[in-house]
Amino acid sequence: MSYKKTTYSRNLLVILKESLVGMYNNLGYTLLSSLIWVLVTLPFAVFLMTTLQVELESENPFGLLFMFACVLLPYGALILGPVNSTLFYLINQASEGWAGLRDLWVGLRTYYRRAAGIYALYFALLLFLLLDIIICFFILTPLFAKVIGIILFYLLIFLLLASVYFSPLIVLQDNNWKKVLKKAFLLTLDNGPFTLFAGIIILAVGILFSFFLPLLIFAYGGFLQFYRLKIFYGVMEKYEDNVPAETNAE
């Protein structure tokens, strides 16, 4: 018996191709995870867009932040984050050939508390940055405040990109919430261009799928999970520790 190390690509186009192949090979779980993702994400997106439109018309940005804190933050922490981690667990099981419908309950039960804590802090940080950015651009007048606002805006983008690694670090490694956040920030910092272009592809695919609604409903949620799985394996390939496990080969 010999052992052959499985290698993973860091080429984003190869990762995109492998993700689409994984979706096709696990079509049932792709459809299921995508439908659940839409059902969970749609209320969040609709409420956010509606609130944003109303508050922009009223020219009161602090009202938007208040609604975000009262509704979107707890929803994101208690529902959106844990469900995304559960779906990631399901797709990881499917890619390994071990998935079953029971894995939805197993993933939710296993990772709910950890994911809820991480996403609560994550959305709180987003809220804090948005508040500071609004203050810098709309309340304070000195030029220095605008510079600080620009820096905070880039920090906000960095935080959004770091979230790509949350579910993999929750599900694939035994990390508490502090380690998840620390490792996510370090991975984003150490793989900045890679993570940035990965995020652009995620956004571009979402926009493309939105032109054909059935793809958005029945494919995009599954794509997100497969793509983040391949991204994480590709990123971890450069590190000596925490590399994917070896597989047996005759």
C-alpha atoms as a PDB file:
ATOM      1  CA  MET A   1       0.000   0.000   0.000  1.00  0.00           C
ATOM      2  CA  SER A   2       1.396   3.400  -1.023  1.00  0.00           C
ATOM      3  CA  TYR A   3       0.241   6.860  -0.138  1.00  0.00           C
ATOM      4  CA  LYS A   4      -0.273   9.636  -2.617  1.00  0.00           C
ATOM      5  CA  LYS A   5      -0.814  13.195  -1.509  1.00  0.00           C
ATOM      6  CA  THR A   6      -3.787  14.891  -3.090  1.00  0.00           C
ATOM      7  CA  THR A   7      -2.844  18.293  -4.513  1.00  0.00           C
ATOM      8  CA  TYR A   8      -5.183  21.214  -5.114  1.00  0.00           C
ATOM      9  CA  SER A   9      -4.927  24.034  -7.625  1.00  0.00           C
ATOM     10  CA  ARG A  10      -4.553  27.711  -6.786  1.00  0.00           C
ATOM     11  CA  ASN A  11      -5.627  28.691 -10.304  1.00  0.00           C
ATOM     12  CA  LEU A  12      -9.036  30.329  -9.896  1.00  0.00           C
ATOM     13  CA  LEU A  13     -10.196  29.248 -13.349  1.00  0.00           C
ATOM     14  CA  VAL A  14      -9.293  25.638 -12.527  1.00  0.00           C
ATOM     15  CA  ILE A  15     -11.082  26.022  -9.185  1.00  0.00           C
ATOM     16  CA  LEU A  16     -14.134  27.377 -11.024  1.00  0.00           C
ATOM     17  CA  LYS A  17     -14.078  24.421 -13.406  1.00  0.00           C
ATOM     18  CA  GLU A  18     -13.687  21.906 -10.562  1.00  0.00           C
ATOM     19  CA  SER A  19     -16.550  23.560  -8.681  1.00  0.00           C
ATOM     20  CA  LEU A  20     -18.871  23.244 -11.683  1.00  0.00           C
ATOM     21  CA  VAL A  21     -17.849  19.607 -12.129  1.00  0.00           C
ATOM     22  CA  GLY A  22     -18.520  18.966  -8.435  1.00  0.00           C
ATOM     23  CA  MET A  23     -21.943  20.569  -8.770  1.00  0.00           C
ATOM     24  CA  TYR A  24     -22.787  18.337 -11.730  1.00  0.00           C
ATOM     25  CA  ASN A  25     -21.559  15.169 -10.012  1.00  0.00           C
ATOM     26  CA  ASN A  26     -23.643  15.995  -6.938  1.00  0.00           C
ATOM     27  CA  LEU A  27     -26.628  17.544  -8.671  1.00  0.00           C
ATOM     28  CA  GLY A  28     -29.184  16.546  -6.037  1.00  0.00           C
ATOM     29  CA  TYR A  29     -27.250  18.112  -3.170  1.00  0.00           C
ATOM     30  CA  THR A  30     -26.489  21.150  -5.331  1.00  0.00           C
ATOM     31  CA  LEU A  31     -30.206  21.704  -5.915  1.00  0.00           C
ATOM     32  CA  LEU A  32     -31.068  21.120  -2.253  1.00  0.00           C
ATOM     33  CA  SER A  33     -28.366  23.380  -0.826  1.00  0.00           C
ATOM     34  CA  SER A  34     -29.124  26.108  -3.374  1.00  0.00           C
ATOM     35  CA  LEU A  35     -32.834  26.093  -2.588  1.00  0.00           C
ATOM     36  CA  ILE A  36     -32.196  26.260   1.161  1.00  0.00           C
ATOM     37  CA  TRP A  37     -29.649  29.041   0.619  1.00  0.00           C
ATOM     38  CA  VAL A  38     -32.169  31.098  -1.362  1.00  0.00           C
ATOM     39  CA  LEU A  39     -34.948  30.581   1.197  1.00  0.00           C
ATOM     40  CA  VAL A  40     -32.632  31.767   3.975  1.00  0.00           C
ATOM     41  CA  THR A  41     -30.891  34.586   2.099  1.00  0.00           C
ATOM     42  CA  LEU A  42     -33.885  36.080   0.296  1.00  0.00           C
ATOM     43  CA  PRO A  43     -35.555  37.620   3.408  1.00  0.00           C
ATOM     44  CA  PHE A  44     -32.195  39.104   4.423  1.00  0.00           C
ATOM     45  CA  ALA A  45     -31.604  40.596   0.953  1.00  0.00           C
ATOM     46  CA  VAL A  46     -35.166  41.894   0.499  1.00  0.00           C
ATOM     47  CA  PHE A  47     -35.246  43.537   3.913  1.00  0.00           C
ATOM     48  CA  LEU A  48     -31.813  45.070   3.350  1.00  0.00           C
ATOM     49  CA  MET A  49     -32.694  46.504  -0.076  1.00  0.00           C
ATOM     50  CA  THR A  50     -36.088  47.783   1.101  1.00  0.00           C
ATOM     51  CA  THR A  51     -34.627  49.436   4.173  1.00  0.00           C
ATOM     52  CA  LEU A  52     -31.787  50.919   2.127  1.00  0.00           C
ATOM     53  CA  GLN A  53     -34.217  52.428  -0.372  1.00  0.00           C
ATOM     54  CA  VAL A  54     -36.428  53.924   2.332  1.00  0.00           C
ATOM     55  CA  GLU A  55     -33.545  55.347   4.330  1.00  0.00           C
ATOM     56  CA  LEU A  56     -31.837  56.845   1.253  1.00  0.00           C
ATOM     57  CA  GLU A  57     -35.068  58.620   0.363  1.00  0.00           C
ATOM     58  CA  SER A  58     -35.321  59.964   3.904  1.00  0.00           C
ATOM     59  CA  GLU A  59     -31.628  60.945   3.874  1.00  0.00           C
ATOM     60  CA  ASN A  60     -31.163  59.435   7.315  1.00  0.00           C
ATOM     61  CA  PRO A  61     -28.305  56.904   7.171  1.00  0.00           C
ATOM     62  CA  PHE A  62     -28.460  56.269  10.911  1.00  0.00           C
ATOM     63  CA  GLY A  63     -31.945  54.826  10.505  1.00  0.00           C
ATOM     64  CA  LEU A  64     -30.474  52.200   8.193  1.00  0.00           C
ATOM     65  CA  LEU A  65     -27.858  51.296  10.765  1.00  0.00           C
ATOM     66  CA  PHE A  66     -30.516  51.051  13.463  1.00  0.00           C
ATOM     67  CA  MET A  67     -32.549  48.602  11.344  1.00  0.00           C
ATOM     68  CA  PHE A  68     -29.383  46.671  10.561  1.00  0.00           C
ATOM     69  CA  ALA A  69     -28.597  46.355  14.254  1.00  0.00           C
ATOM     70  CA  CYS A  70     -32.131  45.393  15.302  1.00  0.00           C
ATOM     71  CA  VAL A  71     -33.036  42.968  12.500  1.00  0.00           C
ATOM     72  CA  LEU A  72     -30.240  42.079  10.111  1.00  0.00           C
ATOM     73  CA  LEU A  73     -27.539  41.533  12.714  1.00  0.00           C
ATOM     74  CA  PRO A  74     -29.467  38.939  14.772  1.00  0.00           C
ATOM     75  CA  TYR A  75     -30.848  37.319  11.596  1.00  0.00           C
ATOM     76  CA  GLY A  76     -27.377  37.039  10.099  1.00  0.00           C
ATOM     77  CA  ALA A  77     -25.903  35.693  13.321  1.00  0.00           C
ATOM     78  CA  LEU A  78     -28.636  33.256  14.327  1.00  0.00           C
ATOM     79  CA  ILE A  79     -29.835  32.045  10.928  1.00  0.00           C
ATOM     80  CA  LEU A  80     -27.746  33.098   7.928  1.00  0.00           C
ATOM     81  CA  GLY A  81     -24.319  32.191   9.309  1.00  0.00           C
ATOM     82  CA  PRO A  82     -25.199  28.810  10.847  1.00  0.00           C
ATOM     83  CA  VAL A  83     -27.193  27.723   7.790  1.00  0.00           C
ATOM     84  CA  ASN A  84     -24.293  28.606   5.473  1.00  0.00           C
ATOM     85  CA  SER A  85     -21.929  26.543   7.626  1.00  0.00           C
ATOM     86  CA  THR A  86     -24.417  23.660   7.616  1.00  0.00           C
ATOM     87  CA  LEU A  87     -24.708  23.768   3.831  1.00  0.00           C
ATOM     88  CA  PHE A  88     -20.932  23.886   3.544  1.00  0.00           C
ATOM     89  CA  TYR A  89     -20.728  20.776   5.719  1.00  0.00           C
ATOM     90  CA  LEU A  90     -23.302  19.028   3.508  1.00  0.00           C
ATOM     91  CA  ILE A  91     -21.432  19.874   0.308  1.00  0.00           C
ATOM     92  CA  ASN A  92     -18.120  18.814   1.830  1.00  0.00           C
ATOM     93  CA  GLN A  93     -19.686  15.476   2.716  1.00  0.00           C
ATOM     94  CA  ALA A  94     -21.104  15.193  -0.807  1.00  0.00           C
ATOM     95  CA  SER A  95     -17.718  15.908  -2.393  1.00  0.00           C
ATOM     96  CA  GLU A  96     -16.261  13.087  -0.296  1.00  0.00           C
ATOM     97  CA  GLY A  97     -19.087  10.743  -1.295  1.00  0.00           C
ATOM     98  CA  TRP A  98     -20.477  10.436   2.249  1.00  0.00           C
ATOM     99  CA  ALA A  99     -23.458  12.803   2.193  1.00  0.00           C
ATOM    100  CA  GLY A 100     -26.981  12.056   3.333  1.00  0.00           C
ATOM    101  CA  LEU A 101     -29.990  14.176   4.191  1.00  0.00           C
ATOM    102  CA  ARG A 102     -29.257  13.516   7.860  1.00  0.00           C
ATOM    103  CA  ASP A 103     -26.087  15.618   7.439  1.00  0.00           C
ATOM    104  CA  LEU A 104     -28.244  18.749   7.403  1.00  0.00           C
ATOM    105  CA  TRP A 105     -29.227  18.086  11.009  1.00  0.00           C
ATOM    106  CA  VAL A 106     -25.753  16.871  11.957  1.00  0.00           C
ATOM    107  CA  GLY A 107     -24.117  19.986  10.525  1.00  0.00           C
ATOM    108  CA  LEU A 108     -26.606  22.356  12.121  1.00  0.00           C
ATOM    109  CA  ARG A 109     -26.343  20.678  15.518  1.00  0.00           C
ATOM    110  CA  THR A 110     -22.543  20.466  15.413  1.00  0.00           C
ATOM    111  CA  TYR A 111     -21.653  23.936  14.162  1.00  0.00           C
ATOM    112  CA  TYR A 112     -24.608  26.132  15.135  1.00  0.00           C
ATOM    113  CA  ARG A 113     -23.238  27.695  18.325  1.00  0.00           C
ATOM    114  CA  ARG A 114     -19.776  28.305  16.898  1.00  0.00           C
ATOM    115  CA  ALA A 115     -21.101  29.761  13.641  1.00  0.00           C
ATOM    116  CA  ALA A 116     -23.644  31.943  15.456  1.00  0.00           C
ATOM    117  CA  GLY A 117     -20.959  33.431  17.704  1.00  0.00           C
ATOM    118  CA  ILE A 118     -18.580  34.088  14.813  1.00  0.00           C
ATOM    119  CA  TYR A 119     -21.202  35.676  12.582  1.00  0.00           C
ATOM    120  CA  ALA A 120     -22.582  37.755  15.462  1.00  0.00           C
ATOM    121  CA  LEU A 121     -19.161  39.310  15.941  1.00  0.00           C
ATOM    122  CA  TYR A 122     -18.690  39.583  12.166  1.00  0.00           C
ATOM    123  CA  PHE A 123     -21.927  41.481  11.574  1.00  0.00           C
ATOM    124  CA  ALA A 124     -21.240  43.639  14.621  1.00  0.00           C
ATOM    125  CA  LEU A 125     -17.871  44.595  13.100  1.00  0.00           C
ATOM    126  CA  LEU A 126     -19.577  45.376   9.798  1.00  0.00           C
ATOM    127  CA  LEU A 127     -22.056  47.592  11.617  1.00  0.00           C
ATOM    128  CA  PHE A 128     -19.284  49.366  13.525  1.00  0.00           C
ATOM    129  CA  LEU A 129     -17.330  50.047  10.312  1.00  0.00           C
ATOM    130  CA  LEU A 130     -20.427  51.291   8.484  1.00  0.00           C
ATOM    131  CA  LEU A 131     -21.214  53.643  11.358  1.00  0.00           C
ATOM    132  CA  ASP A 132     -17.684  55.047  11.380  1.00  0.00           C
ATOM    133  CA  ILE A 133     -17.660  55.420   7.581  1.00  0.00           C
ATOM    134  CA  ILE A 134     -20.938  57.366   7.662  1.00  0.00           C
ATOM    135  CA  ILE A 135     -19.623  59.615  10.419  1.00  0.00           C
ATOM    136  CA  CYS A 136     -16.396  60.284   8.502  1.00  0.00           C
ATOM    137  CA  PHE A 137     -18.087  61.103   5.204  1.00  0.00           C
ATOM    138  CA  PHE A 138     -21.372  62.730   6.244  1.00  0.00           C
ATOM    139  CA  ILE A 139     -20.875  64.188   9.731  1.00  0.00           C
ATOM    140  CA  LEU A 140     -17.253  65.280  10.049  1.00  0.00           C
ATOM    141  CA  THR A 141     -15.929  67.941   7.677  1.00  0.00           C
ATOM    142  CA  PRO A 142     -12.097  67.908   8.037  1.00  0.00           C
ATOM    143  CA  LEU A 143     -10.142  66.326   5.180  1.00  0.00           C
ATOM    144  CA  PHE A 144      -8.434  64.020   7.672  1.00  0.00           C
ATOM    145  CA  ALA A 145     -11.818  62.459   8.468  1.00  0.00           C
ATOM    146  CA  LYS A 146     -12.338  61.659   4.781  1.00  0.00           C
ATOM    147  CA  VAL A 147      -8.957  59.927   4.678  1.00  0.00           C
ATOM    148  CA  ILE A 148      -9.917  57.874   7.720  1.00  0.00           C
ATOM    149  CA  GLY A 149     -13.216  57.055   6.003  1.00  0.00           C
ATOM    150  CA  ILE A 150     -11.405  55.741   2.926  1.00  0.00           C
ATOM    151  CA  ILE A 151      -9.162  53.575   5.100  1.00  0.00           C
ATOM    152  CA  LEU A 152     -12.216  52.218   6.924  1.00  0.00           C
ATOM    153  CA  PHE A 153     -13.902  51.500   3.590  1.00  0.00           C
ATOM    154  CA  TYR A 154     -10.959  49.360   2.477  1.00  0.00           C
ATOM    155  CA  LEU A 155     -11.060  47.641   5.868  1.00  0.00           C
ATOM    156  CA  LEU A 156     -14.736  46.902   5.235  1.00  0.00           C
ATOM    157  CA  ILE A 157     -13.866  45.280   1.880  1.00  0.00           C
ATOM    158  CA  PHE A 158     -11.149  43.271   3.620  1.00  0.00           C
ATOM    159  CA  LEU A 159     -13.669  42.056   6.195  1.00  0.00           C
ATOM    160  CA  LEU A 160     -16.123  41.026   3.483  1.00  0.00           C
ATOM    161  CA  LEU A 161     -13.409  39.053   1.683  1.00  0.00           C
ATOM    162  CA  ALA A 162     -12.309  37.338   4.901  1.00  0.00           C
ATOM    163  CA  SER A 163     -15.778  35.847   5.284  1.00  0.00           C
ATOM    164  CA  VAL A 164     -14.989  33.509   2.361  1.00  0.00           C
ATOM    165  CA  TYR A 165     -12.909  31.455   4.802  1.00  0.00           C
ATOM    166  CA  PHE A 166     -15.355  31.368   7.734  1.00  0.00           C
ATOM    167  CA  SER A 167     -17.278  28.196   6.862  1.00  0.00           C
ATOM    168  CA  PRO A 168     -14.172  26.190   5.852  1.00  0.00           C
ATOM    169  CA  LEU A 169     -12.405  27.153   9.082  1.00  0.00           C
ATOM    170  CA  ILE A 170     -15.499  26.264  11.116  1.00  0.00           C
ATOM    171  CA  VAL A 171     -16.205  22.924   9.426  1.00  0.00           C
ATOM    172  CA  LEU A 172     -12.851  21.594   8.217  1.00  0.00           C
ATOM    173  CA  GLN A 173     -10.761  22.514  11.244  1.00  0.00           C
ATOM    174  CA  ASP A 174     -11.327  22.354  14.978  1.00  0.00           C
ATOM    175  CA  ASN A 175     -11.215  26.109  15.571  1.00  0.00           C
ATOM    176  CA  ASN A 176     -12.978  28.166  18.210  1.00  0.00           C
ATOM    177  CA  TRP A 177     -14.385  31.552  17.224  1.00  0.00           C
ATOM    178  CA  LYS A 178     -11.179  33.421  18.042  1.00  0.00           C
ATOM    179  CA  LYS A 179      -9.084  31.111  15.865  1.00  0.00           C
ATOM    180  CA  VAL A 180     -11.591  31.279  13.012  1.00  0.00           C
ATOM    181  CA  LEU A 181     -11.461  35.076  12.908  1.00  0.00           C
ATOM    182  CA  LYS A 182      -7.694  35.203  13.364  1.00  0.00           C
ATOM    183  CA  LYS A 183      -6.986  32.614  10.674  1.00  0.00           C
ATOM    184  CA  ALA A 184      -9.506  34.151   8.271  1.00  0.00           C
ATOM    185  CA  PHE A 185      -7.861  37.563   8.585  1.00  0.00           C
ATOM    186  CA  LEU A 186      -4.356  36.091   8.226  1.00  0.00           C
ATOM    187  CA  LEU A 187      -5.334  34.019   5.193  1.00  0.00           C
ATOM    188  CA  THR A 188      -6.899  37.071   3.550  1.00  0.00           C
ATOM    189  CA  LEU A 189      -3.868  39.195   4.345  1.00  0.00           C
ATOM    190  CA  ASP A 190      -1.405  36.567   3.102  1.00  0.00           C
ATOM    191  CA  ASN A 191      -3.447  35.767  -0.021  1.00  0.00           C
ATOM    192  CA  GLY A 192      -4.840  39.205  -0.812  1.00  0.00           C
ATOM    193  CA  PRO A 193      -4.948  39.176  -4.646  1.00  0.00           C
ATOM    194  CA  PHE A 194      -6.100  35.537  -4.711  1.00  0.00           C
ATOM    195  CA  THR A 195      -8.944  36.236  -2.269  1.00  0.00           C
ATOM    196  CA  LEU A 196      -9.900  39.466  -4.043  1.00  0.00           C
ATOM    197  CA  PHE A 197     -10.232  37.811  -7.450  1.00  0.00           C
ATOM    198  CA  ALA A 198     -12.027  34.849  -5.850  1.00  0.00           C
ATOM    199  CA  GLY A 199     -14.551  37.307  -4.406  1.00  0.00           C
ATOM    200  CA  ILE A 200     -14.931  39.016  -7.786  1.00  0.00           C
ATOM    201  CA  ILE A 201     -15.686  35.661  -9.433  1.00  0.00           C
ATOM    202  CA  ILE A 202     -18.279  34.861  -6.743  1.00  0.00           C
ATOM    203  CA  LEU A 203     -19.936  38.230  -7.386  1.00  0.00           C
ATOM    204  CA  ALA A 204     -19.703  37.871 -11.171  1.00  0.00           C
ATOM    205  CA  VAL A 205     -21.273  34.398 -11.143  1.00  0.00           C
ATOM    206  CA  GLY A 206     -24.066  35.692  -8.909  1.00  0.00           C
ATOM    207  CA  ILE A 207     -24.784  38.566 -11.330  1.00  0.00           C
ATOM    208  CA  LEU A 208     -24.651  36.173 -14.305  1.00  0.00           C
ATOM    209  CA  PHE A 209     -27.021  33.685 -12.648  1.00  0.00           C
ATOM    210  CA  SER A 210     -29.433  36.505 -11.746  1.00  0.00           C
ATOM    211  CA  PHE A 211     -30.239  36.926 -15.442  1.00  0.00           C
ATOM    212  CA  PHE A 212     -31.603  33.362 -15.446  1.00  0.00           C
ATOM    213  CA  LEU A 213     -33.621  32.982 -12.262  1.00  0.00           C
ATOM    214  CA  PRO A 214     -33.673  29.135 -12.102  1.00  0.00           C
ATOM    215  CA  LEU A 215     -29.861  29.134 -11.975  1.00  0.00           C
ATOM    216  CA  LEU A 216     -29.910  31.620  -9.109  1.00  0.00           C
ATOM    217  CA  ILE A 217     -32.450  29.553  -7.190  1.00  0.00           C
ATOM    218  CA  PHE A 218     -31.247  26.023  -7.889  1.00  0.00           C
ATOM    219  CA  ALA A 219     -27.501  26.425  -8.534  1.00  0.00           C
ATOM    220  CA  TYR A 220     -25.905  29.495  -6.958  1.00  0.00           C
ATOM    221  CA  GLY A 221     -26.092  28.402  -3.316  1.00  0.00           C
ATOM    222  CA  GLY A 222     -24.472  25.077  -4.176  1.00  0.00           C
ATOM    223  CA  PHE A 223     -21.869  26.855  -6.278  1.00  0.00           C
ATOM    224  CA  LEU A 224     -20.904  29.039  -3.315  1.00  0.00           C
ATOM    225  CA  GLN A 225     -20.236  26.008  -1.136  1.00  0.00           C
ATOM    226  CA  PHE A 226     -18.256  24.046  -3.739  1.00  0.00           C
ATOM    227  CA  TYR A 227     -16.275  27.120  -4.743  1.00  0.00           C
ATOM    228  CA  ARG A 228     -15.355  28.074  -1.173  1.00  0.00           C
ATOM    229  CA  LEU A 229     -14.343  24.463  -0.522  1.00  0.00           C
ATOM    230  CA  LYS A 230     -11.961  24.447  -3.493  1.00  0.00           C
ATOM    231  CA  ILE A 231     -10.669  27.927  -2.646  1.00  0.00           C
ATOM    232  CA  PHE A 232      -9.794  26.862   0.885  1.00  0.00           C
ATOM    233  CA  TYR A 233      -8.002  23.712  -0.248  1.00  0.00           C
ATOM    234  CA  GLY A 234      -6.115  25.735  -2.850  1.00  0.00           C
ATOM    235  CA  VAL A 235      -5.041  28.337  -0.297  1.00  0.00           C
ATOM    236  CA  MET A 236      -3.972  25.762   2.284  1.00  0.00           C
ATOM    237  CA  GLU A 237      -1.838  23.973  -0.302  1.00  0.00           C
ATOM    238  CA  LYS A 238       0.953  26.513   0.268  1.00  0.00           C
ATOM    239  CA  TYR A 239       1.174  25.850   4.012  1.00  0.00           C
ATOM    240  CA  GLU A 240       2.986  22.896   5.547  1.00  0.00           C
ATOM    241  CA  ASP A 241       0.484  22.532   8.374  1.00  0.00           C
ATOM    242  CA  ASN A 242      -3.263  22.173   7.980  1.00  0.00           C
ATOM    243  CA  VAL A 243      -2.911  20.703   4.481  1.00  0.00           C
ATOM    244  CA  PRO A 244      -5.683  18.388   3.282  1.00  0.00           C
ATOM    245  CA  ALA A 245      -5.399  14.787   4.395  1.00  0.00           C
ATOM    246  CA  GLU A 246      -3.616  12.265   2.260  1.00  0.00           C
ATOM    247  CA  THR A 247      -5.606   9.721   0.331  1.00  0.00           C
ATOM    248  CA  ASN A 248      -4.773   6.099  -0.181  1.00  0.00           C
ATOM    249  CA  ALA A 249      -3.742   4.754  -3.556  1.00  0.00           C
ATOM    250  CA  GLU A 250      -2.843   1.301  -4.576  1.00  0.00           C
END
